[in-house]
Amino acid sequence: MDETAEKSGSWEAVYKDLQRKIISGACRPRERLIEDEIMARTGATRHGVRRAFDELEKVGLLIRQPNKGVQVRDYSIREVEELYEIRECLETQAARHFSKPAEPQFITFLTSIAEKHRDASRAMRFSEVFTLNNAFHEALYQQAGNKRLAEAIQHYTFSTHPIRTRAFPSEEMREVAIKEHFEMVDAIRDGDGSRLEEIIRAHISRPKEFYLRATNFEASLEEELGNGMISPVSSTRLQG
């Protein structure tokens, strides 16, 4: 992000607005984002909107499709399974590096991030939840002591942002994530790599399952709409 102060109509403001809408589900997977509409709504320049698109694409929330423009990123079921198989291999391997109790300074630092994430989550400040969740996991994996492994984890974590953030509006899912963050801190403090591996495996799989359930529900809903089995009004009630 630039050091430029955020103001209405700036690319930073557009970035945060779109990020919030994607994370909260106001912008749906595969939804096309129209430059002119965003310019009219935010007062941003075309250059500013495109800069915001660029930054959102970098963190995996948007994708540019030939002849389709810019869309909210979505994944097929197979892609989700493949990405999470890689993530589980990488992140559980990193967990095995925590075989000795961590330094108190690191535990204090990681606990501080977890507390800020908890507070933002309970206040439903989803943009902060997104940033703090990333900060927590980046700090954790960097501490594992393998720079290349940490970089690989970050790459695949970014690739799954649209999957992970799909569960953000769910209070139940957010509370489980909060609990697991503090459990991870305890395992790292105690040097219990096996316990950390177990927590991480559950932690990363839960948003995947949530996403797949939502994707299957929406696919069946679209099929029923296409067959005229339910009306658009009924589908709106079901999703709301």
C-alpha atoms as a PDB file:
ATOM      1  CA  MET A   1       0.000   0.000   0.000  1.00  0.00           C
ATOM      2  CA  ASP A   2       1.130   3.598  -0.591  1.00  0.00           C
ATOM      3  CA  GLU A   3       1.925   5.923   2.284  1.00  0.00           C
ATOM      4  CA  THR A   4      -0.592   8.334   0.745  1.00  0.00           C
ATOM      5  CA  ALA A   5      -3.293   9.272   3.231  1.00  0.00           C
ATOM      6  CA  GLU A   6      -6.496   7.451   2.465  1.00  0.00           C
ATOM      7  CA  LYS A   7      -9.300   9.668   1.224  1.00  0.00           C
ATOM      8  CA  SER A   8     -12.652   9.184  -0.418  1.00  0.00           C
ATOM      9  CA  GLY A   9     -12.104   8.346  -4.084  1.00  0.00           C
ATOM     10  CA  SER A  10      -8.484   7.272  -3.622  1.00  0.00           C
ATOM     11  CA  TRP A  11      -7.355   3.879  -4.855  1.00  0.00           C
ATOM     12  CA  GLU A  12      -6.779   2.849  -1.238  1.00  0.00           C
ATOM     13  CA  ALA A  13     -10.407   3.644  -0.374  1.00  0.00           C
ATOM     14  CA  VAL A  14     -11.624   1.680  -3.409  1.00  0.00           C
ATOM     15  CA  TYR A  15      -9.350  -1.222  -2.447  1.00  0.00           C
ATOM     16  CA  LYS A  16     -10.691  -1.356   1.114  1.00  0.00           C
ATOM     17  CA  ASP A  17     -14.295  -0.967  -0.022  1.00  0.00           C
ATOM     18  CA  LEU A  18     -14.045  -3.814  -2.534  1.00  0.00           C
ATOM     19  CA  GLN A  19     -12.050  -5.980  -0.146  1.00  0.00           C
ATOM     20  CA  ARG A  20     -14.762  -5.559   2.491  1.00  0.00           C
ATOM     21  CA  LYS A  21     -17.519  -6.382  -0.012  1.00  0.00           C
ATOM     22  CA  ILE A  22     -15.732  -9.517  -1.245  1.00  0.00           C
ATOM     23  CA  ILE A  23     -14.898 -10.764   2.250  1.00  0.00           C
ATOM     24  CA  SER A  24     -18.420 -10.117   3.562  1.00  0.00           C
ATOM     25  CA  GLY A  25     -20.015 -11.821   0.559  1.00  0.00           C
ATOM     26  CA  ALA A  26     -21.662  -8.672  -0.817  1.00  0.00           C
ATOM     27  CA  CYS A  27     -19.655  -9.342  -3.987  1.00  0.00           C
ATOM     28  CA  ARG A  28     -20.180 -12.963  -4.941  1.00  0.00           C
ATOM     29  CA  PRO A  29     -17.731 -15.412  -6.568  1.00  0.00           C
ATOM     30  CA  ARG A  30     -17.602 -14.945 -10.381  1.00  0.00           C
ATOM     31  CA  GLU A  31     -19.293 -11.546 -10.059  1.00  0.00           C
ATOM     32  CA  ARG A  32     -17.978  -9.117 -12.663  1.00  0.00           C
ATOM     33  CA  LEU A  33     -16.740  -5.741 -11.427  1.00  0.00           C
ATOM     34  CA  ILE A  34     -17.438  -2.820 -13.764  1.00  0.00           C
ATOM     35  CA  GLU A  35     -14.971   0.083 -13.731  1.00  0.00           C
ATOM     36  CA  ASP A  36     -17.540   2.747 -14.657  1.00  0.00           C
ATOM     37  CA  GLU A  37     -19.947   1.653 -11.916  1.00  0.00           C
ATOM     38  CA  ILE A  38     -17.224   1.740  -9.269  1.00  0.00           C
ATOM     39  CA  MET A  39     -16.002   5.138 -10.488  1.00  0.00           C
ATOM     40  CA  ALA A  40     -19.537   6.542 -10.241  1.00  0.00           C
ATOM     41  CA  ARG A  41     -20.067   5.078  -6.768  1.00  0.00           C
ATOM     42  CA  THR A  42     -16.724   6.021  -5.230  1.00  0.00           C
ATOM     43  CA  GLY A  43     -15.676   9.139  -7.139  1.00  0.00           C
ATOM     44  CA  ALA A  44     -12.365   7.472  -7.990  1.00  0.00           C
ATOM     45  CA  THR A  45     -10.539   7.916 -11.286  1.00  0.00           C
ATOM     46  CA  ARG A  46     -10.238   5.080 -13.783  1.00  0.00           C
ATOM     47  CA  HIS A  47      -6.546   4.849 -12.896  1.00  0.00           C
ATOM     48  CA  GLY A  48      -7.475   4.585  -9.207  1.00  0.00           C
ATOM     49  CA  VAL A  49     -10.004   1.789  -9.810  1.00  0.00           C
ATOM     50  CA  ARG A  50      -7.511  -0.137 -11.929  1.00  0.00           C
ATOM     51  CA  ARG A  51      -4.848   0.262  -9.244  1.00  0.00           C
ATOM     52  CA  ALA A  52      -7.282  -1.149  -6.667  1.00  0.00           C
ATOM     53  CA  PHE A  53      -8.017  -4.064  -9.033  1.00  0.00           C
ATOM     54  CA  ASP A  54      -4.270  -4.703  -9.374  1.00  0.00           C
ATOM     55  CA  GLU A  55      -3.777  -4.832  -5.594  1.00  0.00           C
ATOM     56  CA  LEU A  56      -6.805  -7.092  -5.060  1.00  0.00           C
ATOM     57  CA  GLU A  57      -5.548  -9.414  -7.783  1.00  0.00           C
ATOM     58  CA  LYS A  58      -2.166  -9.613  -6.018  1.00  0.00           C
ATOM     59  CA  VAL A  59      -3.798 -10.947  -2.841  1.00  0.00           C
ATOM     60  CA  GLY A  60      -5.912 -13.416  -4.784  1.00  0.00           C
ATOM     61  CA  LEU A  61      -9.361 -11.848  -4.387  1.00  0.00           C
ATOM     62  CA  LEU A  62      -9.873 -10.893  -8.042  1.00  0.00           C
ATOM     63  CA  ILE A  63      -8.954 -12.425 -11.375  1.00  0.00           C
ATOM     64  CA  ARG A  64      -8.789 -11.012 -14.908  1.00  0.00           C
ATOM     65  CA  GLN A  65     -10.457 -13.225 -17.507  1.00  0.00           C
ATOM     66  CA  PRO A  66     -10.056 -12.778 -21.290  1.00  0.00           C
ATOM     67  CA  ASN A  67     -13.218 -11.214 -22.722  1.00  0.00           C
ATOM     68  CA  LYS A  68     -14.815 -11.230 -19.257  1.00  0.00           C
ATOM     69  CA  GLY A  69     -12.990  -8.405 -17.525  1.00  0.00           C
ATOM     70  CA  VAL A  70     -12.356  -8.444 -13.780  1.00  0.00           C
ATOM     71  CA  GLN A  71     -14.220 -10.955 -11.619  1.00  0.00           C
ATOM     72  CA  VAL A  72     -14.311 -12.006  -7.991  1.00  0.00           C
ATOM     73  CA  ARG A  73     -12.104 -15.090  -7.811  1.00  0.00           C
ATOM     74  CA  ASP A  74     -13.760 -18.484  -7.663  1.00  0.00           C
ATOM     75  CA  TYR A  75     -12.484 -22.055  -7.720  1.00  0.00           C
ATOM     76  CA  SER A  76     -13.792 -25.399  -8.896  1.00  0.00           C
ATOM     77  CA  ILE A  77     -14.165 -28.181  -6.336  1.00  0.00           C
ATOM     78  CA  ARG A  78     -11.119 -29.939  -7.781  1.00  0.00           C
ATOM     79  CA  GLU A  79      -9.001 -26.784  -7.558  1.00  0.00           C
ATOM     80  CA  VAL A  80     -10.023 -26.309  -3.926  1.00  0.00           C
ATOM     81  CA  GLU A  81      -9.083 -29.884  -3.045  1.00  0.00           C
ATOM     82  CA  GLU A  82      -5.720 -29.603  -4.812  1.00  0.00           C
ATOM     83  CA  LEU A  83      -4.810 -26.278  -3.222  1.00  0.00           C
ATOM     84  CA  TYR A  84      -5.668 -27.485   0.262  1.00  0.00           C
ATOM     85  CA  GLU A  85      -3.764 -30.730  -0.183  1.00  0.00           C
ATOM     86  CA  ILE A  86      -0.669 -28.632  -0.891  1.00  0.00           C
ATOM     87  CA  ARG A  87      -1.366 -26.291   2.016  1.00  0.00           C
ATOM     88  CA  GLU A  88      -1.783 -29.159   4.456  1.00  0.00           C
ATOM     89  CA  CYS A  89       1.525 -30.709   3.365  1.00  0.00           C
ATOM     90  CA  LEU A  90       3.408 -27.415   3.690  1.00  0.00           C
ATOM     91  CA  GLU A  91       1.869 -26.120   6.908  1.00  0.00           C
ATOM     92  CA  THR A  92       2.005 -29.363   8.855  1.00  0.00           C
ATOM     93  CA  GLN A  93       5.657 -29.718   7.800  1.00  0.00           C
ATOM     94  CA  ALA A  94       6.311 -26.238   9.225  1.00  0.00           C
ATOM     95  CA  ALA A  95       4.571 -27.245  12.472  1.00  0.00           C
ATOM     96  CA  ARG A  96       7.112 -30.038  12.967  1.00  0.00           C
ATOM     97  CA  HIS A  97       9.853 -27.416  13.281  1.00  0.00           C
ATOM     98  CA  PHE A  98       8.399 -26.259  16.626  1.00  0.00           C
ATOM     99  CA  SER A  99       9.918 -29.052  18.677  1.00  0.00           C
ATOM    100  CA  LYS A 100      11.294 -26.768  21.400  1.00  0.00           C
ATOM    101  CA  PRO A 101       9.574 -24.095  23.522  1.00  0.00           C
ATOM    102  CA  ALA A 102       9.601 -20.714  21.785  1.00  0.00           C
ATOM    103  CA  GLU A 103      11.205 -17.580  23.178  1.00  0.00           C
ATOM    104  CA  PRO A 104       8.886 -15.585  25.480  1.00  0.00           C
ATOM    105  CA  GLN A 105       9.245 -12.492  23.277  1.00  0.00           C
ATOM    106  CA  PHE A 106       7.825 -14.339  20.283  1.00  0.00           C
ATOM    107  CA  ILE A 107       4.948 -15.740  22.338  1.00  0.00           C
ATOM    108  CA  THR A 108       4.115 -12.217  23.509  1.00  0.00           C
ATOM    109  CA  PHE A 109       4.236 -10.932  19.933  1.00  0.00           C
ATOM    110  CA  LEU A 110       2.061 -13.738  18.533  1.00  0.00           C
ATOM    111  CA  THR A 111      -0.424 -13.435  21.408  1.00  0.00           C
ATOM    112  CA  SER A 112      -0.755  -9.716  20.704  1.00  0.00           C
ATOM    113  CA  ILE A 113      -1.723 -10.402  17.084  1.00  0.00           C
ATOM    114  CA  ALA A 114      -4.173 -13.103  18.178  1.00  0.00           C
ATOM    115  CA  GLU A 115      -5.819 -10.686  20.627  1.00  0.00           C
ATOM    116  CA  LYS A 116      -6.159  -7.965  17.991  1.00  0.00           C
ATOM    117  CA  HIS A 117      -7.608 -10.520  15.567  1.00  0.00           C
ATOM    118  CA  ARG A 118     -10.108 -11.651  18.234  1.00  0.00           C
ATOM    119  CA  ASP A 119     -11.225  -8.085  18.922  1.00  0.00           C
ATOM    120  CA  ALA A 120     -11.592  -7.235  15.222  1.00  0.00           C
ATOM    121  CA  SER A 121     -13.484 -10.472  14.589  1.00  0.00           C
ATOM    122  CA  ARG A 122     -15.985  -9.891  17.389  1.00  0.00           C
ATOM    123  CA  ALA A 123     -16.504  -6.320  16.176  1.00  0.00           C
ATOM    124  CA  MET A 124     -17.023  -7.693  12.633  1.00  0.00           C
ATOM    125  CA  ARG A 125     -14.274  -5.482  11.205  1.00  0.00           C
ATOM    126  CA  PHE A 126     -13.633  -7.927   8.383  1.00  0.00           C
ATOM    127  CA  SER A 127     -10.871  -5.987   6.623  1.00  0.00           C
ATOM    128  CA  GLU A 128      -8.892  -6.014   9.869  1.00  0.00           C
ATOM    129  CA  VAL A 129      -9.679  -9.697  10.404  1.00  0.00           C
ATOM    130  CA  PHE A 130      -8.251 -10.389   6.947  1.00  0.00           C
ATOM    131  CA  THR A 131      -5.048  -8.422   7.618  1.00  0.00           C
ATOM    132  CA  LEU A 132      -4.498  -9.697  11.166  1.00  0.00           C
ATOM    133  CA  ASN A 133      -5.194 -13.315  10.241  1.00  0.00           C
ATOM    134  CA  ASN A 134      -2.533 -13.072   7.541  1.00  0.00           C
ATOM    135  CA  ALA A 135      -0.113 -11.392   9.973  1.00  0.00           C
ATOM    136  CA  PHE A 136      -0.611 -14.133  12.567  1.00  0.00           C
ATOM    137  CA  HIS A 137       0.124 -16.984  10.181  1.00  0.00           C
ATOM    138  CA  GLU A 138       2.995 -15.218   8.437  1.00  0.00           C
ATOM    139  CA  ALA A 139       4.690 -14.584  11.797  1.00  0.00           C
ATOM    140  CA  LEU A 140       4.125 -18.185  12.852  1.00  0.00           C
ATOM    141  CA  TYR A 141       5.585 -19.763   9.718  1.00  0.00           C
ATOM    142  CA  GLN A 142       8.512 -17.367   9.496  1.00  0.00           C
ATOM    143  CA  GLN A 143       9.433 -18.516  13.005  1.00  0.00           C
ATOM    144  CA  ALA A 144       9.683 -22.114  11.748  1.00  0.00           C
ATOM    145  CA  GLY A 145      13.159 -21.254  10.478  1.00  0.00           C
ATOM    146  CA  ASN A 146      12.827 -22.284   6.815  1.00  0.00           C
ATOM    147  CA  LYS A 147      12.541 -19.192   4.641  1.00  0.00           C
ATOM    148  CA  ARG A 148      11.649 -21.072   1.436  1.00  0.00           C
ATOM    149  CA  LEU A 149       8.993 -23.096   3.216  1.00  0.00           C
ATOM    150  CA  ALA A 150       7.491 -19.902   4.669  1.00  0.00           C
ATOM    151  CA  GLU A 151       7.431 -18.316   1.199  1.00  0.00           C
ATOM    152  CA  ALA A 152       5.728 -21.362  -0.305  1.00  0.00           C
ATOM    153  CA  ILE A 153       3.105 -21.317   2.459  1.00  0.00           C
ATOM    154  CA  GLN A 154       2.462 -17.624   1.884  1.00  0.00           C
ATOM    155  CA  HIS A 155       2.054 -18.193  -1.859  1.00  0.00           C
ATOM    156  CA  TYR A 156      -0.575 -20.909  -1.425  1.00  0.00           C
ATOM    157  CA  THR A 157      -2.278 -19.024   1.394  1.00  0.00           C
ATOM    158  CA  PHE A 158      -2.716 -16.060  -0.945  1.00  0.00           C
ATOM    159  CA  SER A 159      -4.100 -18.412  -3.583  1.00  0.00           C
ATOM    160  CA  THR A 160      -6.819 -19.528  -1.166  1.00  0.00           C
ATOM    161  CA  HIS A 161      -7.901 -16.085   0.117  1.00  0.00           C
ATOM    162  CA  PRO A 162     -11.293 -16.233  -1.649  1.00  0.00           C
ATOM    163  CA  ILE A 163     -11.894 -19.647  -0.083  1.00  0.00           C
ATOM    164  CA  ARG A 164     -10.776 -18.682   3.432  1.00  0.00           C
ATOM    165  CA  THR A 165     -12.676 -15.411   3.542  1.00  0.00           C
ATOM    166  CA  ARG A 166     -15.966 -17.029   2.487  1.00  0.00           C
ATOM    167  CA  ALA A 167     -16.467 -18.096   6.103  1.00  0.00           C
ATOM    168  CA  PHE A 168     -15.762 -14.661   7.632  1.00  0.00           C
ATOM    169  CA  PRO A 169     -19.457 -13.675   7.972  1.00  0.00           C
ATOM    170  CA  SER A 170     -20.073 -16.815  10.069  1.00  0.00           C
ATOM    171  CA  GLU A 171     -19.758 -15.962  13.765  1.00  0.00           C
ATOM    172  CA  GLU A 172     -19.393 -19.638  14.650  1.00  0.00           C
ATOM    173  CA  MET A 173     -16.483 -20.080  12.224  1.00  0.00           C
ATOM    174  CA  ARG A 174     -14.790 -16.904  13.451  1.00  0.00           C
ATOM    175  CA  GLU A 175     -15.013 -18.027  17.081  1.00  0.00           C
ATOM    176  CA  VAL A 176     -13.456 -21.391  16.240  1.00  0.00           C
ATOM    177  CA  ALA A 177     -10.620 -19.608  14.414  1.00  0.00           C
ATOM    178  CA  ILE A 178     -10.020 -17.374  17.460  1.00  0.00           C
ATOM    179  CA  LYS A 179      -9.881 -20.391  19.756  1.00  0.00           C
ATOM    180  CA  GLU A 180      -7.481 -22.231  17.476  1.00  0.00           C
ATOM    181  CA  HIS A 181      -5.145 -19.250  17.190  1.00  0.00           C
ATOM    182  CA  PHE A 182      -4.677 -19.221  20.972  1.00  0.00           C
ATOM    183  CA  GLU A 183      -4.279 -23.001  20.994  1.00  0.00           C
ATOM    184  CA  MET A 184      -1.498 -22.632  18.414  1.00  0.00           C
ATOM    185  CA  VAL A 185       0.236 -20.085  20.633  1.00  0.00           C
ATOM    186  CA  ASP A 186       0.052 -22.506  23.582  1.00  0.00           C
ATOM    187  CA  ALA A 187       1.495 -25.375  21.506  1.00  0.00           C
ATOM    188  CA  ILE A 188       4.359 -23.175  20.261  1.00  0.00           C
ATOM    189  CA  ARG A 189       5.052 -21.950  23.804  1.00  0.00           C
ATOM    190  CA  ASP A 190       5.279 -25.568  24.978  1.00  0.00           C
ATOM    191  CA  GLY A 191       7.319 -26.778  22.006  1.00  0.00           C
ATOM    192  CA  ASP A 192       4.600 -29.286  21.148  1.00  0.00           C
ATOM    193  CA  GLY A 193       5.000 -29.628  17.376  1.00  0.00           C
ATOM    194  CA  SER A 194       2.687 -32.654  17.172  1.00  0.00           C
ATOM    195  CA  ARG A 195      -0.142 -30.756  18.855  1.00  0.00           C
ATOM    196  CA  LEU A 196       0.502 -27.728  16.630  1.00  0.00           C
ATOM    197  CA  GLU A 197       0.358 -29.945  13.545  1.00  0.00           C
ATOM    198  CA  GLU A 198      -3.003 -31.333  14.679  1.00  0.00           C
ATOM    199  CA  ILE A 199      -4.458 -27.862  15.293  1.00  0.00           C
ATOM    200  CA  ILE A 200      -3.204 -26.511  11.973  1.00  0.00           C
ATOM    201  CA  ARG A 201      -4.644 -29.441  10.020  1.00  0.00           C
ATOM    202  CA  ALA A 202      -8.104 -28.775  11.482  1.00  0.00           C
ATOM    203  CA  HIS A 203      -7.702 -24.997  11.193  1.00  0.00           C
ATOM    204  CA  ILE A 204      -7.031 -24.973   7.466  1.00  0.00           C
ATOM    205  CA  SER A 205      -9.547 -27.673   6.544  1.00  0.00           C
ATOM    206  CA  ARG A 206     -12.575 -26.043   8.173  1.00  0.00           C
ATOM    207  CA  PRO A 207     -12.841 -23.021   5.798  1.00  0.00           C
ATOM    208  CA  LYS A 208     -12.321 -25.389   2.867  1.00  0.00           C
ATOM    209  CA  GLU A 209     -15.298 -27.519   3.923  1.00  0.00           C
ATOM    210  CA  PHE A 210     -17.399 -24.391   4.506  1.00  0.00           C
ATOM    211  CA  TYR A 211     -16.572 -23.146   0.993  1.00  0.00           C
ATOM    212  CA  LEU A 212     -17.368 -26.495  -0.611  1.00  0.00           C
ATOM    213  CA  ARG A 213     -20.731 -26.707   1.191  1.00  0.00           C
ATOM    214  CA  ALA A 214     -21.598 -23.179   0.054  1.00  0.00           C
ATOM    215  CA  THR A 215     -20.501 -23.936  -3.513  1.00  0.00           C
ATOM    216  CA  ASN A 216     -22.584 -27.129  -3.646  1.00  0.00           C
ATOM    217  CA  PHE A 217     -25.616 -25.291  -2.230  1.00  0.00           C
ATOM    218  CA  GLU A 218     -25.323 -22.492  -4.799  1.00  0.00           C
ATOM    219  CA  ALA A 219     -24.853 -24.966  -7.656  1.00  0.00           C
ATOM    220  CA  SER A 220     -27.993 -26.863  -6.669  1.00  0.00           C
ATOM    221  CA  LEU A 221     -29.875 -23.581  -6.262  1.00  0.00           C
ATOM    222  CA  GLU A 222     -28.849 -22.428  -9.749  1.00  0.00           C
ATOM    223  CA  GLU A 223     -29.930 -25.778 -11.173  1.00  0.00           C
ATOM    224  CA  GLU A 224     -33.335 -25.522  -9.507  1.00  0.00           C
ATOM    225  CA  LEU A 225     -33.730 -21.953 -10.738  1.00  0.00           C
ATOM    226  CA  GLY A 226     -32.809 -23.041 -14.243  1.00  0.00           C
ATOM    227  CA  ASN A 227     -35.370 -25.839 -14.122  1.00  0.00           C
ATOM    228  CA  GLY A 228     -38.058 -23.508 -12.767  1.00  0.00           C
ATOM    229  CA  MET A 229     -38.400 -25.535  -9.578  1.00  0.00           C
ATOM    230  CA  ILE A 230     -38.180 -22.432  -7.353  1.00  0.00           C
ATOM    231  CA  SER A 231     -38.677 -18.744  -7.991  1.00  0.00           C
ATOM    232  CA  PRO A 232     -35.905 -16.103  -7.775  1.00  0.00           C
ATOM    233  CA  VAL A 233     -37.729 -14.578  -4.785  1.00  0.00           C
ATOM    234  CA  SER A 234     -37.620 -17.893  -2.914  1.00  0.00           C
ATOM    235  CA  SER A 235     -33.902 -18.279  -3.646  1.00  0.00           C
ATOM    236  CA  THR A 236     -33.223 -14.829  -2.220  1.00  0.00           C
ATOM    237  CA  ARG A 237     -34.989 -15.815   0.998  1.00  0.00           C
ATOM    238  CA  LEU A 238     -32.997 -19.034   1.209  1.00  0.00           C
ATOM    239  CA  GLN A 239     -29.657 -17.209   0.857  1.00  0.00           C
ATOM    240  CA  GLY A 240     -30.562 -14.351   3.179  1.00  0.00           C
END
